[in-house]
């Protein structure tokens, strides 16, 4: 069982940073530690997932983006690199820590503003998390992306990734980017029976080369499924 701990990225100890590097290197090929360190420094917050012995078994980096789209103020929580040790992939520690971050460091559920969760998926597991968390999200196998949400996705992706983002496909392509190792995120014939995994593979066939699918979900209370909403309300009342 894992516990999630939110820390300021600048406060990570040297041994903790080395552990994050090791987790990344275990799951990805073509991994560049210098690029990782640069990306890590650009995210103010990091969720650390620790086991009972205190060892780090996963992490996720976080940033907050505030901008204007079509004349409206838009706020988004951006999830960067996210890794969980294969032995602990079923843990609920990460979503619970993420909701704790929302409750304590954003205005989600309090300020009345429109908040989104924005991130990119290198593998199907990250995309498969969306239907567990949200009632609607984009891109979706059965729902067209509304015009405003598409504008938000395009704007945030261009802001974050510049010319590496292709709005025609909704995919981010970074030359020589790191790629999931064989056996970590393989999309087998059996897995293609899942409509969400099949949709991810169709929308982002370049995942095998490290390409990433841009995703967006509204953090409006009405869009959260029952369990995440319960966790959020518990954190808001703490």
C-alpha atoms as a PDB file:
ATOM      1  CA  UNK A   1       0.000   0.000   0.000  1.00  0.00           C
ATOM      2  CA  UNK A   2       1.305   3.442  -0.921  1.00  0.00           C
ATOM      3  CA  UNK A   3       0.834   6.871   0.633  1.00  0.00           C
ATOM      4  CA  UNK A   4       0.968  10.072  -1.392  1.00  0.00           C
ATOM      5  CA  UNK A   5       3.008  13.027  -0.138  1.00  0.00           C
ATOM      6  CA  UNK A   6       3.007  16.447  -1.796  1.00  0.00           C
ATOM      7  CA  UNK A   7       6.315  18.317  -1.732  1.00  0.00           C
ATOM      8  CA  UNK A   8       7.737  21.401  -3.377  1.00  0.00           C
ATOM      9  CA  UNK A   9       9.982  20.242  -6.181  1.00  0.00           C
ATOM     10  CA  UNK A  10      12.743  22.622  -5.090  1.00  0.00           C
ATOM     11  CA  UNK A  11      12.826  20.821  -1.722  1.00  0.00           C
ATOM     12  CA  UNK A  12      13.496  17.360  -3.142  1.00  0.00           C
ATOM     13  CA  UNK A  13      16.621  15.844  -1.621  1.00  0.00           C
ATOM     14  CA  UNK A  14      19.436  14.571  -3.837  1.00  0.00           C
ATOM     15  CA  UNK A  15      18.632  10.920  -3.060  1.00  0.00           C
ATOM     16  CA  UNK A  16      14.956  11.535  -3.888  1.00  0.00           C
ATOM     17  CA  UNK A  17      15.867  13.015  -7.264  1.00  0.00           C
ATOM     18  CA  UNK A  18      18.058  10.002  -7.990  1.00  0.00           C
ATOM     19  CA  UNK A  19      15.152   7.709  -7.168  1.00  0.00           C
ATOM     20  CA  UNK A  20      12.865   9.592  -9.566  1.00  0.00           C
ATOM     21  CA  UNK A  21      15.503   9.241 -12.281  1.00  0.00           C
ATOM     22  CA  UNK A  22      15.734   5.498 -11.594  1.00  0.00           C
ATOM     23  CA  UNK A  23      11.962   5.079 -11.882  1.00  0.00           C
ATOM     24  CA  UNK A  24      11.943   6.908 -15.206  1.00  0.00           C
ATOM     25  CA  UNK A  25      14.886   4.941 -16.570  1.00  0.00           C
ATOM     26  CA  UNK A  26      13.186   1.665 -15.579  1.00  0.00           C
ATOM     27  CA  UNK A  27      10.139   2.405 -17.755  1.00  0.00           C
ATOM     28  CA  UNK A  28      11.639   4.325 -20.693  1.00  0.00           C
ATOM     29  CA  UNK A  29      14.325   3.915 -23.311  1.00  0.00           C
ATOM     30  CA  UNK A  30      16.178   6.827 -24.908  1.00  0.00           C
ATOM     31  CA  UNK A  31      15.935   8.499 -21.519  1.00  0.00           C
ATOM     32  CA  UNK A  32      17.900  11.732 -21.030  1.00  0.00           C
ATOM     33  CA  UNK A  33      18.514  12.627 -17.391  1.00  0.00           C
ATOM     34  CA  UNK A  34      19.400  16.241 -18.243  1.00  0.00           C
ATOM     35  CA  UNK A  35      16.064  16.732 -20.025  1.00  0.00           C
ATOM     36  CA  UNK A  36      14.265  15.159 -17.090  1.00  0.00           C
ATOM     37  CA  UNK A  37      16.002  17.443 -14.599  1.00  0.00           C
ATOM     38  CA  UNK A  38      15.069  20.476 -16.691  1.00  0.00           C
ATOM     39  CA  UNK A  39      11.439  19.396 -16.921  1.00  0.00           C
ATOM     40  CA  UNK A  40      11.339  18.608 -13.209  1.00  0.00           C
ATOM     41  CA  UNK A  41      12.616  22.080 -12.323  1.00  0.00           C
ATOM     42  CA  UNK A  42       9.764  23.599 -14.353  1.00  0.00           C
ATOM     43  CA  UNK A  43       7.100  21.904 -12.178  1.00  0.00           C
ATOM     44  CA  UNK A  44       6.677  23.581  -8.748  1.00  0.00           C
ATOM     45  CA  UNK A  45       5.072  20.540  -7.101  1.00  0.00           C
ATOM     46  CA  UNK A  46       5.784  16.820  -6.961  1.00  0.00           C
ATOM     47  CA  UNK A  47       3.642  14.031  -5.548  1.00  0.00           C
ATOM     48  CA  UNK A  48       5.788  11.261  -4.056  1.00  0.00           C
ATOM     49  CA  UNK A  49       4.263   7.818  -3.548  1.00  0.00           C
ATOM     50  CA  UNK A  50       5.963   5.960  -0.706  1.00  0.00           C
ATOM     51  CA  UNK A  51       5.551   2.402   0.525  1.00  0.00           C
ATOM     52  CA  UNK A  52       5.415   1.311   4.171  1.00  0.00           C
ATOM     53  CA  UNK A  53       9.225   1.381   4.365  1.00  0.00           C
ATOM     54  CA  UNK A  54       9.311   4.964   3.098  1.00  0.00           C
ATOM     55  CA  UNK A  55      10.745   4.069  -0.308  1.00  0.00           C
ATOM     56  CA  UNK A  56       9.523   6.065  -3.309  1.00  0.00           C
ATOM     57  CA  UNK A  57       7.486   3.816  -5.619  1.00  0.00           C
ATOM     58  CA  UNK A  58       6.042   6.485  -7.870  1.00  0.00           C
ATOM     59  CA  UNK A  59       5.664  10.192  -8.479  1.00  0.00           C
ATOM     60  CA  UNK A  60       3.867  12.841 -10.507  1.00  0.00           C
ATOM     61  CA  UNK A  61       4.907  16.433 -11.184  1.00  0.00           C
ATOM     62  CA  UNK A  62       2.407  19.310 -11.182  1.00  0.00           C
ATOM     63  CA  UNK A  63       2.085  22.865 -12.409  1.00  0.00           C
ATOM     64  CA  UNK A  64      -0.744  25.410 -12.599  1.00  0.00           C
ATOM     65  CA  UNK A  65      -1.444  27.269 -15.836  1.00  0.00           C
ATOM     66  CA  UNK A  66      -3.578  30.417 -16.004  1.00  0.00           C
ATOM     67  CA  UNK A  67      -4.483  31.971 -19.336  1.00  0.00           C
ATOM     68  CA  UNK A  68      -7.344  33.389 -21.397  1.00  0.00           C
ATOM     69  CA  UNK A  69      -9.180  31.533 -24.127  1.00  0.00           C
ATOM     70  CA  UNK A  70     -11.936  33.111 -26.216  1.00  0.00           C
ATOM     71  CA  UNK A  71     -12.135  35.951 -23.718  1.00  0.00           C
ATOM     72  CA  UNK A  72     -12.521  33.697 -20.659  1.00  0.00           C
ATOM     73  CA  UNK A  73     -10.036  33.089 -17.882  1.00  0.00           C
ATOM     74  CA  UNK A  74      -8.936  29.461 -17.891  1.00  0.00           C
ATOM     75  CA  UNK A  75      -7.056  27.703 -15.119  1.00  0.00           C
ATOM     76  CA  UNK A  76      -5.532  24.294 -15.524  1.00  0.00           C
ATOM     77  CA  UNK A  77      -3.576  21.841 -13.437  1.00  0.00           C
ATOM     78  CA  UNK A  78      -0.906  20.301 -15.632  1.00  0.00           C
ATOM     79  CA  UNK A  79       0.405  16.838 -14.786  1.00  0.00           C
ATOM     80  CA  UNK A  80       3.904  16.230 -16.085  1.00  0.00           C
ATOM     81  CA  UNK A  81       5.990  13.061 -15.778  1.00  0.00           C
ATOM     82  CA  UNK A  82       4.035  10.392 -13.906  1.00  0.00           C
ATOM     83  CA  UNK A  83       5.390   6.961 -13.001  1.00  0.00           C
ATOM     84  CA  UNK A  84       4.186   4.208 -10.665  1.00  0.00           C
ATOM     85  CA  UNK A  85       6.177   1.039 -10.045  1.00  0.00           C
ATOM     86  CA  UNK A  86       4.502  -1.863 -11.882  1.00  0.00           C
ATOM     87  CA  UNK A  87       3.850  -3.669  -8.598  1.00  0.00           C
ATOM     88  CA  UNK A  88       1.671  -0.802  -7.374  1.00  0.00           C
ATOM     89  CA  UNK A  89      -0.285   0.239 -10.488  1.00  0.00           C
ATOM     90  CA  UNK A  90      -3.646  -0.451  -8.778  1.00  0.00           C
ATOM     91  CA  UNK A  91      -3.007   2.056  -5.989  1.00  0.00           C
ATOM     92  CA  UNK A  92      -5.459   4.877  -5.257  1.00  0.00           C
ATOM     93  CA  UNK A  93      -2.703   6.906  -3.582  1.00  0.00           C
ATOM     94  CA  UNK A  94      -1.969   9.034  -6.640  1.00  0.00           C
ATOM     95  CA  UNK A  95      -5.526  10.258  -7.384  1.00  0.00           C
ATOM     96  CA  UNK A  96      -6.102  10.919  -3.690  1.00  0.00           C
ATOM     97  CA  UNK A  97      -2.894  12.952  -3.432  1.00  0.00           C
ATOM     98  CA  UNK A  98      -3.842  14.798  -6.618  1.00  0.00           C
ATOM     99  CA  UNK A  99      -7.220  15.742  -5.123  1.00  0.00           C
ATOM    100  CA  UNK A 100      -5.463  16.836  -1.941  1.00  0.00           C
ATOM    101  CA  UNK A 101      -3.359  19.156  -4.077  1.00  0.00           C
ATOM    102  CA  UNK A 102      -6.502  20.544  -5.707  1.00  0.00           C
ATOM    103  CA  UNK A 103      -8.102  21.198  -2.323  1.00  0.00           C
ATOM    104  CA  UNK A 104      -5.075  22.857  -0.731  1.00  0.00           C
ATOM    105  CA  UNK A 105      -3.314  24.675  -3.555  1.00  0.00           C
ATOM    106  CA  UNK A 106      -5.979  25.634  -6.093  1.00  0.00           C
ATOM    107  CA  UNK A 107      -9.425  27.203  -6.079  1.00  0.00           C
ATOM    108  CA  UNK A 108     -11.146  24.052  -7.360  1.00  0.00           C
ATOM    109  CA  UNK A 109     -14.491  23.710  -5.623  1.00  0.00           C
ATOM    110  CA  UNK A 110     -14.240  27.165  -4.012  1.00  0.00           C
ATOM    111  CA  UNK A 111     -13.548  30.062  -6.369  1.00  0.00           C
ATOM    112  CA  UNK A 112     -16.204  29.371  -9.004  1.00  0.00           C
ATOM    113  CA  UNK A 113     -13.633  29.533 -11.814  1.00  0.00           C
ATOM    114  CA  UNK A 114     -13.434  27.009 -14.640  1.00  0.00           C
ATOM    115  CA  UNK A 115     -10.632  24.590 -13.825  1.00  0.00           C
ATOM    116  CA  UNK A 116      -9.305  21.858 -16.106  1.00  0.00           C
ATOM    117  CA  UNK A 117      -6.924  18.952 -15.775  1.00  0.00           C
ATOM    118  CA  UNK A 118      -4.501  19.061 -18.708  1.00  0.00           C
ATOM    119  CA  UNK A 119      -1.924  16.411 -19.519  1.00  0.00           C
ATOM    120  CA  UNK A 120      -0.417  14.275 -22.251  1.00  0.00           C
ATOM    121  CA  UNK A 121      -0.430  10.471 -22.498  1.00  0.00           C
ATOM    122  CA  UNK A 122       2.513   8.430 -23.696  1.00  0.00           C
ATOM    123  CA  UNK A 123       0.774   5.156 -22.860  1.00  0.00           C
ATOM    124  CA  UNK A 124      -2.690   3.674 -22.612  1.00  0.00           C
ATOM    125  CA  UNK A 125      -2.632   3.394 -18.821  1.00  0.00           C
ATOM    126  CA  UNK A 126      -2.507   7.155 -18.417  1.00  0.00           C
ATOM    127  CA  UNK A 127      -5.367   7.619 -20.865  1.00  0.00           C
ATOM    128  CA  UNK A 128      -7.351   4.798 -19.252  1.00  0.00           C
ATOM    129  CA  UNK A 129      -7.376   6.789 -15.999  1.00  0.00           C
ATOM    130  CA  UNK A 130      -9.680   9.428 -17.550  1.00  0.00           C
ATOM    131  CA  UNK A 131     -12.952   7.423 -17.564  1.00  0.00           C
ATOM    132  CA  UNK A 132     -12.301   6.402 -13.958  1.00  0.00           C
ATOM    133  CA  UNK A 133     -11.994  10.037 -12.891  1.00  0.00           C
ATOM    134  CA  UNK A 134     -14.363  11.967 -15.171  1.00  0.00           C
ATOM    135  CA  UNK A 135     -17.854  11.651 -16.581  1.00  0.00           C
ATOM    136  CA  UNK A 136     -16.732  13.416 -19.754  1.00  0.00           C
ATOM    137  CA  UNK A 137     -13.240  14.153 -21.052  1.00  0.00           C
ATOM    138  CA  UNK A 138     -11.522  14.787 -24.359  1.00  0.00           C
ATOM    139  CA  UNK A 139     -10.641  13.300 -26.718  1.00  0.00           C
ATOM    140  CA  UNK A 140     -13.332  10.666 -26.082  1.00  0.00           C
ATOM    141  CA  UNK A 141     -14.253   7.575 -28.123  1.00  0.00           C
ATOM    142  CA  UNK A 142     -17.968   8.447 -28.112  1.00  0.00           C
ATOM    143  CA  UNK A 143     -18.089  12.228 -27.639  1.00  0.00           C
ATOM    144  CA  UNK A 144     -17.111  15.030 -29.977  1.00  0.00           C
ATOM    145  CA  UNK A 145     -14.839  17.581 -28.354  1.00  0.00           C
ATOM    146  CA  UNK A 146     -16.864  20.808 -27.861  1.00  0.00           C
ATOM    147  CA  UNK A 147     -15.536  23.921 -29.545  1.00  0.00           C
ATOM    148  CA  UNK A 148     -14.467  25.726 -26.374  1.00  0.00           C
ATOM    149  CA  UNK A 149     -12.737  22.683 -24.896  1.00  0.00           C
ATOM    150  CA  UNK A 150     -10.900  22.189 -28.191  1.00  0.00           C
ATOM    151  CA  UNK A 151      -9.714  25.787 -28.064  1.00  0.00           C
ATOM    152  CA  UNK A 152      -8.541  25.249 -24.476  1.00  0.00           C
ATOM    153  CA  UNK A 153      -6.647  22.092 -25.444  1.00  0.00           C
ATOM    154  CA  UNK A 154      -5.007  23.762 -28.427  1.00  0.00           C
ATOM    155  CA  UNK A 155      -4.049  26.872 -26.473  1.00  0.00           C
ATOM    156  CA  UNK A 156      -2.603  25.021 -23.496  1.00  0.00           C
ATOM    157  CA  UNK A 157      -0.733  22.561 -25.733  1.00  0.00           C
ATOM    158  CA  UNK A 158       0.795  25.329 -27.850  1.00  0.00           C
ATOM    159  CA  UNK A 159       1.774  27.202 -24.698  1.00  0.00           C
ATOM    160  CA  UNK A 160       3.436  24.129 -23.229  1.00  0.00           C
ATOM    161  CA  UNK A 161       4.904  22.442 -26.280  1.00  0.00           C
ATOM    162  CA  UNK A 162       5.099  25.041 -29.038  1.00  0.00           C
ATOM    163  CA  UNK A 163       5.653  23.672 -32.537  1.00  0.00           C
ATOM    164  CA  UNK A 164       5.906  20.101 -31.195  1.00  0.00           C
ATOM    165  CA  UNK A 165       2.105  20.116 -30.880  1.00  0.00           C
ATOM    166  CA  UNK A 166       0.099  19.150 -33.951  1.00  0.00           C
ATOM    167  CA  UNK A 167      -3.465  20.520 -33.596  1.00  0.00           C
ATOM    168  CA  UNK A 168      -4.681  18.446 -36.548  1.00  0.00           C
ATOM    169  CA  UNK A 169      -4.076  15.210 -34.627  1.00  0.00           C
ATOM    170  CA  UNK A 170      -3.944  16.428 -31.028  1.00  0.00           C
ATOM    171  CA  UNK A 171      -0.533  14.818 -30.623  1.00  0.00           C
ATOM    172  CA  UNK A 172       2.778  16.132 -29.292  1.00  0.00           C
ATOM    173  CA  UNK A 173       5.844  14.927 -31.213  1.00  0.00           C
ATOM    174  CA  UNK A 174       9.253  15.643 -29.735  1.00  0.00           C
ATOM    175  CA  UNK A 175      12.202  14.348 -31.814  1.00  0.00           C
ATOM    176  CA  UNK A 176      14.205  11.649 -30.028  1.00  0.00           C
ATOM    177  CA  UNK A 177      11.833  11.701 -27.051  1.00  0.00           C
ATOM    178  CA  UNK A 178      11.910   8.827 -24.567  1.00  0.00           C
ATOM    179  CA  UNK A 179       9.799   5.759 -25.328  1.00  0.00           C
ATOM    180  CA  UNK A 180       8.060   3.174 -23.149  1.00  0.00           C
ATOM    181  CA  UNK A 181      10.125   0.025 -22.780  1.00  0.00           C
ATOM    182  CA  UNK A 182       8.824  -3.207 -24.224  1.00  0.00           C
ATOM    183  CA  UNK A 183       6.583  -4.896 -21.676  1.00  0.00           C
ATOM    184  CA  UNK A 184       5.662  -1.681 -19.838  1.00  0.00           C
ATOM    185  CA  UNK A 185       2.809  -0.324 -21.951  1.00  0.00           C
ATOM    186  CA  UNK A 186       2.310  -2.892 -24.706  1.00  0.00           C
ATOM    187  CA  UNK A 187      -1.076  -2.734 -26.440  1.00  0.00           C
ATOM    188  CA  UNK A 188      -1.931  -6.376 -27.045  1.00  0.00           C
ATOM    189  CA  UNK A 189      -4.821  -7.816 -29.066  1.00  0.00           C
ATOM    190  CA  UNK A 190      -6.563  -8.611 -25.803  1.00  0.00           C
ATOM    191  CA  UNK A 191      -6.208  -5.047 -24.548  1.00  0.00           C
ATOM    192  CA  UNK A 192      -7.650  -3.712 -27.788  1.00  0.00           C
ATOM    193  CA  UNK A 193     -10.937  -5.207 -26.612  1.00  0.00           C
ATOM    194  CA  UNK A 194     -11.171  -2.264 -24.222  1.00  0.00           C
ATOM    195  CA  UNK A 195     -12.794   0.616 -26.179  1.00  0.00           C
ATOM    196  CA  UNK A 196     -10.714   3.260 -24.391  1.00  0.00           C
ATOM    197  CA  UNK A 197      -7.417   1.509 -25.081  1.00  0.00           C
ATOM    198  CA  UNK A 198      -8.446   0.919 -28.698  1.00  0.00           C
ATOM    199  CA  UNK A 199      -9.341   4.593 -29.081  1.00  0.00           C
ATOM    200  CA  UNK A 200      -6.005   5.667 -27.608  1.00  0.00           C
ATOM    201  CA  UNK A 201      -4.143   3.419 -30.049  1.00  0.00           C
ATOM    202  CA  UNK A 202      -6.145   4.800 -32.988  1.00  0.00           C
ATOM    203  CA  UNK A 203      -5.719   8.447 -32.021  1.00  0.00           C
ATOM    204  CA  UNK A 204      -2.051   8.112 -31.110  1.00  0.00           C
ATOM    205  CA  UNK A 205      -0.456   5.310 -33.147  1.00  0.00           C
ATOM    206  CA  UNK A 206       2.901   7.038 -32.642  1.00  0.00           C
ATOM    207  CA  UNK A 207       2.896   6.124 -28.941  1.00  0.00           C
ATOM    208  CA  UNK A 208       5.438   3.449 -29.888  1.00  0.00           C
ATOM    209  CA  UNK A 209       7.811   6.313 -30.799  1.00  0.00           C
ATOM    210  CA  UNK A 210       7.101   8.317 -27.650  1.00  0.00           C
ATOM    211  CA  UNK A 211       4.422  10.568 -29.137  1.00  0.00           C
ATOM    212  CA  UNK A 212       1.854  11.883 -26.661  1.00  0.00           C
ATOM    213  CA  UNK A 213      -1.899  12.453 -26.877  1.00  0.00           C
ATOM    214  CA  UNK A 214      -3.141  15.765 -25.439  1.00  0.00           C
ATOM    215  CA  UNK A 215      -6.032  15.265 -23.002  1.00  0.00           C
ATOM    216  CA  UNK A 216      -8.387  17.533 -21.073  1.00  0.00           C
ATOM    217  CA  UNK A 217     -10.969  17.040 -18.354  1.00  0.00           C
ATOM    218  CA  UNK A 218     -13.098  19.612 -16.561  1.00  0.00           C
ATOM    219  CA  UNK A 219     -12.600  19.671 -12.782  1.00  0.00           C
ATOM    220  CA  UNK A 220     -16.151  20.942 -12.324  1.00  0.00           C
ATOM    221  CA  UNK A 221     -17.846  19.005  -9.501  1.00  0.00           C
ATOM    222  CA  UNK A 222     -20.578  17.774 -11.832  1.00  0.00           C
ATOM    223  CA  UNK A 223     -17.941  16.154 -14.059  1.00  0.00           C
ATOM    224  CA  UNK A 224     -16.188  14.178 -11.326  1.00  0.00           C
ATOM    225  CA  UNK A 225     -17.275  10.617 -10.706  1.00  0.00           C
ATOM    226  CA  UNK A 226     -18.587   9.712  -7.266  1.00  0.00           C
ATOM    227  CA  UNK A 227     -15.411   8.381  -5.650  1.00  0.00           C
ATOM    228  CA  UNK A 228     -13.104  11.257  -6.716  1.00  0.00           C
ATOM    229  CA  UNK A 229     -15.812  13.712  -5.650  1.00  0.00           C
ATOM    230  CA  UNK A 230     -16.009  12.071  -2.206  1.00  0.00           C
ATOM    231  CA  UNK A 231     -12.247  12.307  -1.846  1.00  0.00           C
ATOM    232  CA  UNK A 232     -12.242  15.956  -2.942  1.00  0.00           C
ATOM    233  CA  UNK A 233     -15.014  16.890  -0.503  1.00  0.00           C
ATOM    234  CA  UNK A 234     -13.135  15.148   2.306  1.00  0.00           C
ATOM    235  CA  UNK A 235     -10.007  17.181   1.541  1.00  0.00           C
ATOM    236  CA  UNK A 236     -11.969  20.435   1.229  1.00  0.00           C
ATOM    237  CA  UNK A 237     -13.501  19.911   4.661  1.00  0.00           C
ATOM    238  CA  UNK A 238     -10.220  18.909   6.330  1.00  0.00           C
END
